[in-house]
Amino acid sequence: SGFRGQGGQQRRPGWAEPLGAAPPLTLPRQGDRCIMGQQRSFRKRKPTSWCVKGKSFTSPLTSRVCACRDSDFLCDYGFERVPSTESDADKCSANFWFNPLSPPEDCALGQTYTSSLGYRKVVSNVCEGGVDLQQSPARLQCPLMPPRGLRVSIHGDAVAVRPGEDVLFVVQQERGDVLTTKYQVDLGDGFKAMYVNLTLTGEPVRHRYESPGIYRVSVRAENVAGHDEAVLFIQVNAPLQALYLEAVPITGVNREVNLTAVLLPLSPNLTVFYWWIGHSLQPLLSLENSVTTRFPDTGDVRVTVQASCGNSVLQDSRVIRVLDQFQVVPLQFSKSLDAYNPNTPEWREDVGLVVTRLLSKETSIPEELLVTVVTPGLPTVADLYVLLPPPRPTRKRSLTGDKLRTFCGLRLFSIPTETRRFCGPGPGWARFVSHRWFSVKIG
């Protein structure tokens, strides 16, 4: 709002007639009058005046450039201020880790560069003349620099590929000359080549591995000034085709149990196996395809295995019954069966089911109380697991552990007499059960 002047008339500030003398010229009062390389003066209103110059007033500021002084410079990269005995001002000296004469990383042979004397002008400072701490030294020739920071990688960051898949190797060099450097590439499968300007063009090296395996890829960069080397290991794995978990279906409390993961293709390189036993969420890791474990309590325990190889993952699971009492009877087969044994889990499982049905039919023992497990390898042998019958809701006592073997023996010896008797030394059962493809020796 305005204010009342003489005669009670209201005046507008800013465009009124001046009252009194013009505002005085004011300069900075604290010591140095140059700020960021220039000195500025400005005008301010008198405390007793209520208005300023009218429309004829042009500019409230005047400025001039100052001569450069020590305070207009900072320490350059790699330098720090240290007290100086020669003058009152501190001096910028190179840190212990910095070499001012070292050429920059992009300095190529045939080019020149300048090294810093330790000072640089403050950003936005406009001082001129005076002290020149940033004076340029003589330009230096870029020397031939040895290759440093050599790296070899695979495009896409994958270090596991499949046979026959295109692999793009990318070679990079952080420092050093690239025009006179030669690059010797060894891809580990017999392929070797010499390249020039490999890191300058950025062109990748394309290759295919035909056979599974682990290959050592090396790149050696060398010039007159020195050399550097980079190494990379690449896995070439065929995708997993099948996984089968082999384990005894029945075991006793605290008995050692072997768990085996059978893979196709056989024995792939660097396959990692994850084992989950029971309700545990923390898997057991192994590079071998088999582990051993024990079960402290009776009941059904589920065991799961995952096989991971490169980008391929397969899983299989089995349920193992942990019992207090059961009987294991060794079985042998006629030699003719070995000729048909491909030693695969599926074949062993099928033969086990056939033998179980055959023995159940010949002995009248319920099939659910018999389990036949054919063991891997040759000659073809098996174990017959005979279980106790479930307790019946009567007052009669069920079979005890002492009577289990007698019960099984009586039933197995009840095989019809037309089957052939096997005569051999030692205790135990000795009976043959004939099949159209093989014979089973019990005991």
Protein backbone atom coordinates (compact mmCIF):
# COMPACT_ATOMS: atom_id res chain seq x y z
CA SER A 1 0.00 0.00 0.00
CA GLY A 2 1.13 3.60 -0.39
CA PHE A 3 1.96 6.20 2.31
CA ARG A 4 0.92 9.75 3.09
CA GLY A 5 3.20 12.58 1.92
CA GLN A 6 2.94 16.33 2.40
CA GLY A 7 -0.59 17.66 2.15
CA GLY A 8 -2.02 14.28 3.01
CA GLN A 9 -1.66 12.96 -0.54
CA GLN A 10 -0.94 9.25 -1.00
CA ARG A 11 2.27 8.34 -2.88
CA ARG A 12 3.23 5.02 -4.50
CA PRO A 13 6.66 3.66 -3.56
CA GLY A 14 9.11 2.92 -6.38
CA TRP A 15 8.05 5.68 -8.80
CA ALA A 16 7.81 8.65 -6.53
CA GLU A 17 10.03 11.70 -6.65
CA PRO A 18 13.25 11.17 -4.70
CA LEU A 19 13.40 12.42 -1.13
CA GLY A 20 16.78 13.55 0.00
CA ALA A 21 20.16 12.56 -1.54
CA ALA A 22 20.73 9.52 -3.77
CA PRO A 23 21.42 6.17 -2.07
CA PRO A 24 25.08 5.72 -1.21
CA LEU A 25 27.40 3.24 -2.98
CA THR A 26 27.97 0.16 -0.82
CA LEU A 27 30.81 -2.42 -1.03
CA PRO A 28 31.31 -5.71 0.85
CA ARG A 29 32.65 -4.98 4.31
CA GLN A 30 34.41 -8.25 5.23
CA GLY A 31 38.09 -8.29 4.15
CA ASP A 32 38.42 -9.57 0.58
CA ARG A 33 36.09 -7.67 -1.74
CA CYS A 34 36.49 -10.18 -4.64
CA ILE A 35 34.09 -13.10 -4.68
CA MET A 36 34.46 -15.88 -7.33
CA GLY A 37 36.89 -13.66 -9.27
CA GLN A 38 34.83 -10.49 -9.44
CA GLN A 39 34.01 -7.44 -7.33
CA ARG A 40 30.44 -6.20 -7.25
CA SER A 41 29.04 -2.94 -5.87
CA PHE A 42 25.39 -2.23 -5.21
CA ARG A 43 23.18 0.58 -3.87
CA LYS A 44 20.84 0.36 -0.95
CA ARG A 45 18.09 2.68 0.32
CA LYS A 46 18.76 5.06 3.18
CA PRO A 47 17.00 4.06 6.38
CA THR A 48 15.31 7.52 6.41
CA SER A 49 14.12 7.38 2.80
CA TRP A 50 10.73 5.99 1.81
CA CYS A 51 11.27 5.80 -1.92
CA VAL A 52 13.96 5.05 -4.50
CA LYS A 53 14.99 6.49 -7.84
CA GLY A 54 12.29 6.80 -10.39
CA LYS A 55 12.15 5.63 -14.01
CA SER A 56 15.51 7.20 -14.83
CA PHE A 57 17.32 4.64 -12.61
CA THR A 58 19.16 2.14 -14.87
CA SER A 59 20.93 -0.57 -12.80
CA PRO A 60 21.55 -1.16 -9.10
CA LEU A 61 24.79 -3.23 -9.73
CA THR A 62 28.29 -2.59 -11.07
CA SER A 63 31.01 -5.30 -11.28
CA ARG A 64 34.60 -5.78 -12.40
CA VAL A 65 36.82 -8.84 -12.87
CA CYS A 66 39.53 -9.39 -10.27
CA ALA A 67 43.05 -10.67 -10.75
CA CYS A 68 43.53 -14.34 -9.83
CA ARG A 69 44.96 -15.24 -6.43
CA ASP A 70 45.80 -18.46 -4.59
CA SER A 71 42.32 -18.63 -3.08
CA ASP A 72 40.79 -18.95 -6.58
CA PHE A 73 42.33 -22.42 -7.04
CA LEU A 74 41.64 -25.86 -5.54
CA CYS A 75 43.78 -28.99 -5.42
CA ASP A 76 43.38 -31.12 -8.55
CA TYR A 77 42.47 -34.83 -8.52
CA GLY A 78 45.15 -36.87 -6.75
CA PHE A 79 46.52 -33.87 -4.82
CA GLU A 80 45.94 -32.60 -1.28
CA ARG A 81 46.88 -29.44 0.61
CA VAL A 82 49.87 -29.61 2.94
CA PRO A 83 51.36 -26.78 5.04
CA SER A 84 54.11 -24.87 3.24
CA THR A 85 57.12 -23.27 4.99
CA GLU A 86 57.89 -20.98 2.05
CA SER A 87 54.65 -18.98 2.25
CA ASP A 88 51.55 -18.54 4.32
CA ALA A 89 49.41 -20.42 1.77
CA ASP A 90 49.13 -24.21 1.74
CA LYS A 91 50.62 -26.10 -1.18
CA CYS A 92 48.94 -28.87 -3.22
CA SER A 93 51.10 -31.99 -3.26
CA ALA A 94 50.44 -35.35 -4.92
CA ASN A 95 49.08 -38.16 -2.77
CA PHE A 96 51.26 -41.22 -2.19
CA TRP A 97 49.09 -43.33 -4.51
CA PHE A 98 48.99 -40.83 -7.40
CA ASN A 99 51.62 -40.33 -10.11
CA PRO A 100 51.09 -36.97 -11.87
CA LEU A 101 53.20 -38.06 -14.85
CA SER A 102 51.20 -41.23 -15.54
CA PRO A 103 49.35 -41.04 -18.87
CA PRO A 104 45.55 -41.28 -18.95
CA GLU A 105 43.90 -44.63 -19.67
CA ASP A 106 42.80 -43.63 -23.17
CA CYS A 107 46.25 -42.34 -24.15
CA ALA A 108 47.18 -44.04 -27.43
CA LEU A 109 50.60 -44.35 -28.96
CA GLY A 110 51.34 -41.28 -31.14
CA GLN A 111 49.14 -38.93 -29.09
CA THR A 112 50.17 -36.40 -26.43
CA TYR A 113 48.88 -35.57 -22.97
CA THR A 114 49.48 -32.98 -20.22
CA SER A 115 50.03 -33.70 -16.57
CA SER A 116 48.53 -31.57 -13.83
CA LEU A 117 50.67 -29.35 -11.57
CA GLY A 118 48.21 -29.93 -8.77
CA TYR A 119 45.80 -27.00 -9.13
CA ARG A 120 42.54 -26.26 -10.89
CA LYS A 121 40.42 -23.12 -10.92
CA VAL A 122 37.23 -23.17 -8.89
CA VAL A 123 34.20 -23.89 -11.06
CA SER A 124 32.41 -20.67 -12.17
CA ASN A 125 35.35 -18.52 -11.02
CA VAL A 126 35.93 -15.70 -13.60
CA CYS A 127 39.21 -14.21 -12.36
CA GLU A 128 41.79 -13.20 -14.97
CA GLY A 129 45.54 -12.62 -14.87
CA GLY A 130 47.37 -12.42 -11.58
CA VAL A 131 48.56 -15.72 -10.13
CA ASP A 132 48.34 -18.69 -12.55
CA LEU A 133 48.67 -21.88 -10.52
CA GLN A 134 47.06 -23.84 -13.35
CA GLN A 135 49.82 -23.06 -15.85
CA SER A 136 50.12 -25.82 -18.44
CA PRO A 137 53.33 -27.87 -18.48
CA ALA A 138 54.92 -29.19 -21.64
CA ARG A 139 52.89 -31.75 -23.50
CA LEU A 140 54.13 -35.33 -23.16
CA GLN A 141 54.10 -38.17 -25.67
CA CYS A 142 51.86 -41.12 -24.89
CA PRO A 143 54.09 -44.16 -24.27
CA LEU A 144 53.36 -47.72 -25.43
CA MET A 145 51.31 -49.14 -22.56
CA PRO A 146 51.00 -52.86 -21.75
CA PRO A 147 47.51 -54.40 -21.80
CA ARG A 148 45.80 -54.39 -18.42
CA GLY A 149 42.35 -55.37 -17.17
CA LEU A 150 41.79 -58.09 -19.78
CA ARG A 151 38.45 -59.93 -19.45
CA VAL A 152 36.72 -62.68 -21.40
CA SER A 153 33.02 -63.37 -20.98
CA ILE A 154 30.14 -65.06 -22.76
CA HIS A 155 27.43 -62.98 -24.40
CA GLY A 156 24.38 -63.33 -22.19
CA ASP A 157 26.46 -64.16 -19.06
CA ALA A 158 25.71 -67.89 -19.32
CA VAL A 159 28.62 -70.23 -18.52
CA ALA A 160 26.67 -73.44 -19.24
CA VAL A 161 25.62 -74.30 -22.80
CA ARG A 162 24.42 -77.33 -24.72
CA PRO A 163 26.42 -79.23 -27.34
CA GLY A 164 26.11 -77.64 -30.79
CA GLU A 165 24.90 -74.32 -29.39
CA ASP A 166 26.51 -71.10 -30.65
CA VAL A 167 28.71 -69.43 -28.03
CA LEU A 168 29.83 -65.79 -28.38
CA PHE A 169 33.02 -64.94 -26.47
CA VAL A 170 33.50 -61.21 -25.76
CA VAL A 171 37.02 -59.94 -25.02
CA GLN A 172 37.43 -56.58 -23.26
CA GLN A 173 40.50 -54.60 -22.18
CA GLU A 174 40.34 -51.75 -19.65
CA ARG A 175 43.76 -50.15 -20.19
CA GLY A 176 46.76 -50.33 -22.46
CA ASP A 177 47.46 -50.05 -26.14
CA VAL A 178 45.11 -51.93 -28.46
CA LEU A 179 46.53 -51.07 -31.90
CA THR A 180 49.82 -52.96 -31.50
CA THR A 181 48.49 -55.69 -29.18
CA LYS A 182 47.98 -59.25 -30.42
CA TYR A 183 45.42 -61.57 -28.83
CA GLN A 184 45.97 -65.34 -28.70
CA VAL A 185 42.68 -67.18 -28.11
CA ASP A 186 42.50 -70.81 -26.94
CA LEU A 187 38.97 -72.21 -26.61
CA GLY A 188 40.03 -75.44 -24.89
CA ASP A 189 38.84 -77.97 -27.47
CA GLY A 190 41.78 -77.63 -29.84
CA PHE A 191 40.71 -74.35 -31.44
CA LYS A 192 43.47 -71.69 -31.31
CA ALA A 193 43.68 -68.40 -33.20
CA MET A 194 45.57 -65.09 -33.20
CA TYR A 195 43.65 -61.79 -33.48
CA VAL A 196 44.54 -58.09 -33.83
CA ASN A 197 42.28 -55.17 -32.93
CA LEU A 198 40.05 -57.67 -31.12
CA THR A 199 39.05 -55.32 -28.30
CA LEU A 200 38.98 -52.27 -30.58
CA THR A 201 36.27 -53.61 -32.91
CA GLY A 202 34.29 -55.37 -30.16
CA GLU A 203 33.54 -58.26 -32.52
CA PRO A 204 32.84 -61.46 -30.49
CA VAL A 205 34.47 -64.82 -31.20
CA ARG A 206 31.81 -67.33 -32.30
CA HIS A 207 32.29 -71.03 -31.56
CA ARG A 208 30.44 -74.34 -31.08
CA TYR A 209 31.32 -77.22 -28.76
CA GLU A 210 30.19 -80.60 -30.05
CA SER A 211 31.05 -82.80 -27.04
CA PRO A 212 29.94 -82.40 -23.40
CA GLY A 213 32.66 -81.44 -20.96
CA ILE A 214 34.32 -78.58 -19.10
CA TYR A 215 36.56 -76.40 -21.26
CA ARG A 216 39.20 -73.88 -20.22
CA VAL A 217 39.04 -70.75 -22.37
CA SER A 218 42.09 -68.47 -22.23
CA VAL A 219 42.97 -65.18 -23.94
CA ARG A 220 46.51 -63.77 -23.84
CA ALA A 221 47.06 -60.13 -24.88
CA GLU A 222 50.67 -59.14 -25.59
CA ASN A 223 52.69 -56.23 -26.99
CA VAL A 224 56.27 -54.99 -26.60
CA ALA A 225 55.48 -53.33 -23.25
CA GLY A 226 53.96 -56.38 -21.54
CA HIS A 227 51.11 -58.88 -21.50
CA ASP A 228 47.93 -59.86 -19.66
CA GLU A 229 45.79 -63.01 -19.56
CA ALA A 230 42.15 -63.85 -18.85
CA VAL A 231 40.66 -67.30 -18.19
CA LEU A 232 37.08 -68.60 -18.29
CA PHE A 233 35.67 -72.09 -17.65
CA ILE A 234 32.60 -73.10 -19.65
CA GLN A 235 30.36 -76.11 -19.07
CA VAL A 236 28.96 -77.95 -22.07
CA ASN A 237 26.23 -80.29 -20.86
CA ALA A 238 23.59 -82.26 -22.65
CA PRO A 239 20.13 -81.71 -21.09
CA LEU A 240 19.12 -84.27 -18.48
CA GLN A 241 16.74 -86.83 -19.93
CA ALA A 242 15.65 -88.98 -17.00
CA LEU A 243 16.14 -89.26 -13.24
CA TYR A 244 15.33 -92.31 -11.14
CA LEU A 245 15.75 -92.50 -7.36
CA GLU A 246 16.78 -95.96 -6.19
CA ALA A 247 16.32 -96.83 -2.52
CA VAL A 248 15.26 -99.87 -0.53
CA PRO A 249 11.49 -99.69 -0.02
CA ILE A 250 11.77 -101.05 3.53
CA THR A 251 14.36 -100.53 6.24
CA GLY A 252 14.76 -100.80 9.97
CA VAL A 253 15.05 -98.11 12.60
CA ASN A 254 18.53 -96.50 12.62
CA ARG A 255 19.76 -98.75 9.83
CA GLU A 256 22.01 -97.19 7.20
CA VAL A 257 20.15 -96.60 3.94
CA ASN A 258 21.79 -95.81 0.62
CA LEU A 259 19.98 -93.37 -1.69
CA THR A 260 21.12 -93.38 -5.32
CA ALA A 261 20.05 -91.06 -8.14
CA VAL A 262 20.35 -92.71 -11.57
CA LEU A 263 20.63 -90.15 -14.39
CA LEU A 264 20.38 -90.24 -18.15
CA PRO A 265 22.74 -89.39 -19.74
CA LEU A 266 25.06 -91.20 -17.37
CA SER A 267 27.52 -89.20 -15.24
CA PRO A 268 26.97 -85.68 -16.62
CA ASN A 269 29.58 -83.15 -15.60
CA LEU A 270 29.09 -81.02 -12.52
CA THR A 271 25.55 -82.11 -11.68
CA VAL A 272 24.42 -80.88 -8.26
CA PHE A 273 22.04 -83.10 -6.29
CA TYR A 274 19.56 -81.73 -3.74
CA TRP A 275 18.15 -84.26 -1.24
CA TRP A 276 15.03 -83.63 0.85
CA ILE A 277 14.46 -86.27 3.54
CA GLY A 278 11.16 -86.34 5.40
CA HIS A 279 9.58 -82.98 6.15
CA SER A 280 12.85 -81.04 6.23
CA LEU A 281 12.85 -77.89 4.10
CA GLN A 282 16.65 -77.64 4.13
CA PRO A 283 18.10 -79.92 1.42
CA LEU A 284 21.32 -81.85 1.59
CA LEU A 285 23.63 -80.92 -1.30
CA SER A 286 26.11 -83.27 -2.96
CA LEU A 287 28.12 -83.63 -6.15
CA GLU A 288 27.92 -87.41 -5.92
CA ASN A 289 24.79 -89.21 -7.07
CA SER A 290 24.39 -91.16 -3.81
CA VAL A 291 24.14 -90.40 -0.10
CA THR A 292 23.53 -92.46 3.04
CA THR A 293 21.11 -91.70 5.85
CA ARG A 294 19.30 -93.24 8.84
CA PHE A 295 15.74 -92.98 10.10
CA PRO A 296 15.24 -92.83 13.88
CA ASP A 297 11.50 -93.54 13.97
CA THR A 298 9.08 -95.97 12.37
CA GLY A 299 6.65 -94.83 9.70
CA ASP A 300 6.60 -93.79 6.07
CA VAL A 301 9.32 -91.29 5.07
CA ARG A 302 9.32 -89.53 1.70
CA VAL A 303 12.70 -88.91 0.09
CA THR A 304 12.99 -86.48 -2.85
CA VAL A 305 16.03 -85.74 -5.03
CA GLN A 306 16.56 -82.98 -7.57
CA ALA A 307 19.36 -83.11 -10.15
CA SER A 308 20.50 -79.76 -11.55
CA CYS A 309 22.88 -79.53 -14.49
CA GLY A 310 23.18 -76.19 -16.25
CA ASN A 311 19.67 -75.08 -17.15
CA SER A 312 18.22 -78.60 -16.79
CA VAL A 313 16.54 -79.76 -13.56
CA LEU A 314 14.78 -83.09 -12.89
CA GLN A 315 13.16 -84.54 -9.76
CA ASP A 316 12.11 -87.93 -8.44
CA SER A 317 10.67 -89.15 -5.13
CA ARG A 318 10.26 -92.39 -3.16
CA VAL A 319 8.51 -93.43 0.06
CA ILE A 320 10.53 -95.64 2.43
CA ARG A 321 8.77 -97.69 5.11
CA VAL A 322 10.65 -97.80 8.41
CA LEU A 323 9.66 -100.90 10.43
CA ASP A 324 10.70 -102.59 13.63
CA GLN A 325 10.34 -106.17 12.32
CA PHE A 326 10.64 -107.71 8.88
CA GLN A 327 12.59 -110.51 7.20
CA VAL A 328 15.03 -110.28 4.27
CA VAL A 329 15.52 -113.39 2.15
CA PRO A 330 18.26 -113.43 -0.51
CA LEU A 331 17.23 -114.50 -4.01
CA GLN A 332 19.37 -115.70 -6.90
CA PHE A 333 18.44 -116.11 -10.55
CA SER A 334 19.51 -118.49 -13.24
CA LYS A 335 22.51 -117.36 -15.31
CA SER A 336 20.35 -117.06 -18.41
CA LEU A 337 18.71 -113.93 -16.98
CA ASP A 338 22.01 -112.04 -17.02
CA ALA A 339 21.94 -111.92 -20.79
CA TYR A 340 18.69 -109.91 -20.67
CA ASN A 341 19.77 -107.58 -17.84
CA PRO A 342 20.30 -104.04 -19.22
CA ASN A 343 21.11 -102.80 -15.70
CA THR A 344 18.47 -100.06 -15.72
CA PRO A 345 16.16 -99.08 -12.83
CA GLU A 346 13.01 -99.70 -14.85
CA TRP A 347 14.07 -103.26 -15.73
CA ARG A 348 14.96 -104.05 -12.11
CA GLU A 349 11.60 -102.72 -10.91
CA ASP A 350 9.67 -104.77 -13.49
CA VAL A 351 11.52 -108.00 -12.63
CA GLY A 352 10.93 -107.35 -8.92
CA LEU A 353 7.18 -107.09 -9.51
CA VAL A 354 7.15 -110.31 -11.54
CA VAL A 355 9.04 -112.22 -8.84
CA THR A 356 6.78 -110.86 -6.11
CA ARG A 357 3.65 -112.02 -7.94
CA LEU A 358 5.24 -115.40 -8.67
CA LEU A 359 6.24 -116.04 -5.05
CA SER A 360 2.91 -114.80 -3.75
CA LYS A 361 1.11 -117.24 -6.04
CA GLU A 362 3.34 -120.19 -5.12
CA THR A 363 3.33 -119.58 -1.35
CA SER A 364 -0.15 -118.09 -0.87
CA ILE A 365 1.47 -115.24 1.08
CA PRO A 366 -0.45 -112.02 0.33
CA GLU A 367 1.33 -109.96 -2.28
CA GLU A 368 1.25 -106.85 -0.07
CA LEU A 369 3.50 -108.68 2.42
CA LEU A 370 6.22 -109.40 -0.17
CA VAL A 371 8.57 -106.90 -1.78
CA THR A 372 11.31 -107.98 -4.19
CA VAL A 373 14.21 -105.59 -4.80
CA VAL A 374 16.62 -106.48 -7.62
CA THR A 375 20.06 -105.04 -6.89
CA PRO A 376 22.07 -103.21 -9.60
CA GLY A 377 24.85 -104.93 -11.53
CA LEU A 378 25.71 -108.50 -12.47
CA PRO A 379 25.13 -111.29 -11.61
CA THR A 380 21.41 -110.68 -11.20
CA VAL A 381 20.45 -111.07 -7.53
CA ALA A 382 17.63 -109.73 -5.38
CA ASP A 383 16.38 -109.41 -1.82
CA LEU A 384 12.92 -110.53 -0.81
CA TYR A 385 11.38 -108.44 2.00
CA VAL A 386 8.74 -110.36 3.96
CA LEU A 387 6.55 -108.24 6.22
CA LEU A 388 4.43 -109.12 9.23
CA PRO A 389 0.72 -109.34 8.51
CA PRO A 390 -1.27 -106.45 9.96
CA PRO A 391 -2.80 -107.15 13.43
CA ARG A 392 -6.40 -108.28 13.40
CA PRO A 393 -9.05 -107.01 15.86
CA THR A 394 -9.16 -110.36 17.73
CA ARG A 395 -7.78 -111.68 20.96
CA LYS A 396 -5.26 -113.82 19.12
CA ARG A 397 -1.69 -112.58 19.30
CA SER A 398 -0.04 -111.54 16.02
CA LEU A 399 3.21 -113.07 14.86
CA THR A 400 6.20 -112.11 16.93
CA GLY A 401 9.68 -111.44 15.61
CA ASP A 402 10.86 -114.90 16.70
CA LYS A 403 8.07 -116.61 14.75
CA LEU A 404 8.41 -114.44 11.65
CA ARG A 405 11.19 -116.46 10.07
CA THR A 406 9.38 -119.73 10.88
CA PHE A 407 6.18 -118.40 9.30
CA CYS A 408 7.98 -117.31 6.15
CA GLY A 409 9.96 -120.50 5.94
CA LEU A 410 6.90 -122.71 6.22
CA ARG A 411 5.10 -120.74 3.55
CA LEU A 412 8.07 -120.72 1.18
CA PHE A 413 8.62 -124.45 1.71
CA SER A 414 5.00 -125.06 0.81
CA ILE A 415 5.96 -124.51 -2.84
CA PRO A 416 4.68 -127.49 -4.88
CA THR A 417 7.02 -130.43 -5.14
CA GLU A 418 7.22 -130.20 -8.93
CA THR A 419 9.63 -127.30 -8.43
CA ARG A 420 13.22 -128.43 -8.21
CA ARG A 421 14.99 -128.80 -4.89
CA PHE A 422 18.36 -127.07 -4.55
CA CYS A 423 20.88 -129.01 -2.51
CA GLY A 424 23.60 -126.91 -0.90
CA PRO A 425 25.47 -126.51 2.35
CA GLY A 426 24.58 -124.18 5.20
CA PRO A 427 21.37 -123.21 6.92
CA GLY A 428 18.48 -121.38 5.37
CA TRP A 429 15.99 -122.12 2.65
CA ALA A 430 16.94 -123.66 -0.64
CA ARG A 431 14.12 -123.87 -3.17
CA PHE A 432 13.80 -123.11 -6.87
CA VAL A 433 10.75 -121.40 -8.37
CA SER A 434 10.60 -121.79 -12.13
CA HIS A 435 9.44 -119.14 -14.60
CA ARG A 436 9.30 -119.44 -18.34
CA TRP A 437 12.23 -116.97 -18.65
CA PHE A 438 14.23 -117.70 -15.49
CA SER A 439 14.44 -119.66 -12.24
CA VAL A 440 14.59 -118.13 -8.77
CA LYS A 441 16.62 -119.70 -6.00
CA ILE A 442 15.20 -118.87 -2.57
CA GLY A 443 17.74 -118.73 0.23
